[in-house]
Amino acid sequence: MWHAAARTDEVAVSRRHGLVRYRRGAGEDTAAFARRIRTLRTPDAEEPHGTESGDGDGVAAVERAAAGKRVLLAVVNGDAAPEKVSGTVYRLLPGPVDGCGLDRVAAGDLVASLG
């Protein structure tokens, strides 16, 4: 959450019910933006899972949100494999994300880069 808030003005979070998107508001500093993302309050947009693709778990929604962009993708399962993506991935469990062109980092790498 801290990495996302510090690196970009747009963040997408996959939740059980759908994808929620946050855009940094005019004058919103990193701490305020991070707090809004962390508490999952006042998203700027919501996309229920399954509306376009029939996916119930959000993998397709994550892939659509990340496709063609430079991203920091932080996931538990490595199930999502966005196309034409660049950037970094942190994942707990391996999966297709390992072959989609993102640089994989471990938890220690994320913590160390905050220093």
Protein backbone atom coordinates (compact mmCIF):
# COMPACT_ATOMS: atom_id res chain seq x y z
CA MET A 1 0.00 0.00 0.00
CA TRP A 2 2.84 2.41 0.86
CA HIS A 3 4.65 1.54 -2.36
CA ALA A 4 1.52 2.04 -4.42
CA ALA A 5 0.65 5.37 -2.80
CA ALA A 6 4.20 6.69 -3.17
CA ARG A 7 4.77 5.55 -6.76
CA THR A 8 1.59 6.47 -8.60
CA ASP A 9 -1.57 8.51 -8.68
CA GLU A 10 -3.79 5.55 -9.63
CA VAL A 11 -4.23 2.30 -7.66
CA ALA A 12 -6.50 -0.70 -8.29
CA VAL A 13 -7.28 -3.15 -5.49
CA SER A 14 -8.94 -6.51 -6.12
CA ARG A 15 -11.40 -7.46 -3.41
CA ARG A 16 -13.83 -10.38 -3.16
CA HIS A 17 -16.72 -8.41 -4.62
CA GLY A 18 -14.76 -6.59 -7.31
CA LEU A 19 -12.01 -4.24 -8.31
CA VAL A 20 -11.88 -0.84 -6.61
CA ARG A 21 -9.88 2.05 -8.05
CA TYR A 22 -8.35 5.02 -6.32
CA ARG A 23 -7.02 8.23 -7.87
CA ARG A 24 -4.96 10.65 -5.85
CA GLY A 25 -7.01 13.76 -5.26
CA ALA A 26 -5.78 17.28 -5.93
CA GLY A 27 -3.62 18.20 -2.96
CA GLU A 28 -3.83 14.69 -1.45
CA ASP A 29 -0.39 13.83 -0.05
CA THR A 30 1.12 10.34 0.01
CA ALA A 31 0.10 9.61 3.61
CA ALA A 32 -3.53 10.60 3.02
CA PHE A 33 -3.67 8.65 -0.24
CA ALA A 34 -2.13 5.58 1.47
CA ARG A 35 -4.63 5.84 4.34
CA ARG A 36 -7.55 5.95 1.90
CA ILE A 37 -6.26 2.87 0.07
CA ARG A 38 -5.47 0.99 3.31
CA THR A 39 -8.93 1.57 4.75
CA LEU A 40 -10.59 0.82 1.38
CA ARG A 41 -12.71 3.95 1.81
CA THR A 42 -14.12 6.24 -0.83
CA PRO A 43 -12.92 4.51 -3.99
CA ASP A 44 -13.20 6.57 -7.16
CA ALA A 45 -14.63 3.65 -9.13
CA GLU A 46 -15.79 0.06 -8.56
CA GLU A 47 -16.01 -2.81 -11.02
CA PRO A 48 -17.84 -5.92 -9.79
CA HIS A 49 -16.12 -9.21 -10.65
CA GLY A 50 -17.82 -11.30 -13.26
CA THR A 51 -19.64 -8.51 -15.06
CA GLU A 52 -17.57 -8.64 -18.26
CA SER A 53 -15.66 -11.90 -18.17
CA GLY A 54 -17.59 -14.26 -15.95
CA ASP A 55 -14.64 -14.58 -13.57
CA GLY A 56 -15.70 -15.01 -9.99
CA ASP A 57 -12.28 -14.60 -8.40
CA GLY A 58 -11.06 -11.39 -9.97
CA VAL A 59 -8.11 -12.77 -11.97
CA ALA A 60 -9.46 -11.43 -15.26
CA ALA A 61 -10.24 -8.05 -13.66
CA VAL A 62 -6.65 -7.77 -12.41
CA GLU A 63 -5.33 -8.75 -15.82
CA ARG A 64 -7.49 -6.11 -17.54
CA ALA A 65 -6.48 -3.42 -15.06
CA ALA A 66 -2.75 -4.12 -15.48
CA ALA A 67 -2.54 -4.97 -19.20
CA GLY A 68 -0.26 -2.71 -21.18
CA LYS A 69 0.88 -0.71 -18.15
CA ARG A 70 3.91 -0.36 -15.91
CA VAL A 71 2.76 -1.84 -12.60
CA LEU A 72 3.59 -2.91 -9.11
CA LEU A 73 1.47 -6.03 -8.81
CA ALA A 74 1.19 -7.37 -5.26
CA VAL A 75 -0.82 -10.59 -5.04
CA VAL A 76 -1.24 -13.66 -2.87
CA ASN A 77 -1.69 -16.12 -5.73
CA GLY A 78 0.32 -15.79 -8.92
CA ASP A 79 -2.74 -16.62 -11.02
CA ALA A 80 -2.95 -13.35 -12.95
CA ALA A 81 -0.71 -12.93 -15.99
CA PRO A 82 -1.41 -9.53 -17.56
CA GLU A 83 -0.35 -9.04 -21.18
CA LYS A 84 2.18 -6.47 -22.40
CA VAL A 85 2.98 -5.46 -18.84
CA SER A 86 6.20 -4.22 -17.29
CA GLY A 87 7.24 -3.49 -13.75
CA THR A 88 7.44 -5.49 -10.55
CA VAL A 89 5.51 -8.32 -8.93
CA TYR A 90 5.38 -9.46 -5.34
CA ARG A 91 3.49 -12.70 -4.91
CA LEU A 92 3.28 -15.28 -2.14
CA LEU A 93 2.41 -18.29 -4.30
CA PRO A 94 3.84 -19.02 -7.76
CA GLY A 95 1.78 -19.15 -10.92
CA PRO A 96 1.47 -17.74 -14.44
CA VAL A 97 2.51 -14.28 -13.20
CA ASP A 98 6.07 -15.61 -12.98
CA GLY A 99 6.28 -15.77 -16.78
CA CYS A 100 4.56 -12.54 -17.79
CA GLY A 101 7.66 -10.34 -17.85
CA LEU A 102 7.50 -8.70 -14.43
CA ASP A 103 10.55 -8.52 -12.16
CA ARG A 104 9.82 -10.61 -9.07
CA VAL A 105 10.69 -9.27 -5.61
CA ALA A 106 10.48 -10.81 -2.15
CA ALA A 107 8.94 -9.26 0.96
CA GLY A 108 12.37 -8.23 2.20
CA ASP A 109 12.99 -6.30 -1.03
CA LEU A 110 9.80 -4.31 -0.53
CA VAL A 111 10.64 -3.50 3.08
CA ALA A 112 14.25 -2.58 2.25
CA SER A 113 13.20 -0.17 -0.48
CA LEU A 114 11.06 1.80 1.99
CA GLY A 115 14.20 2.81 3.92
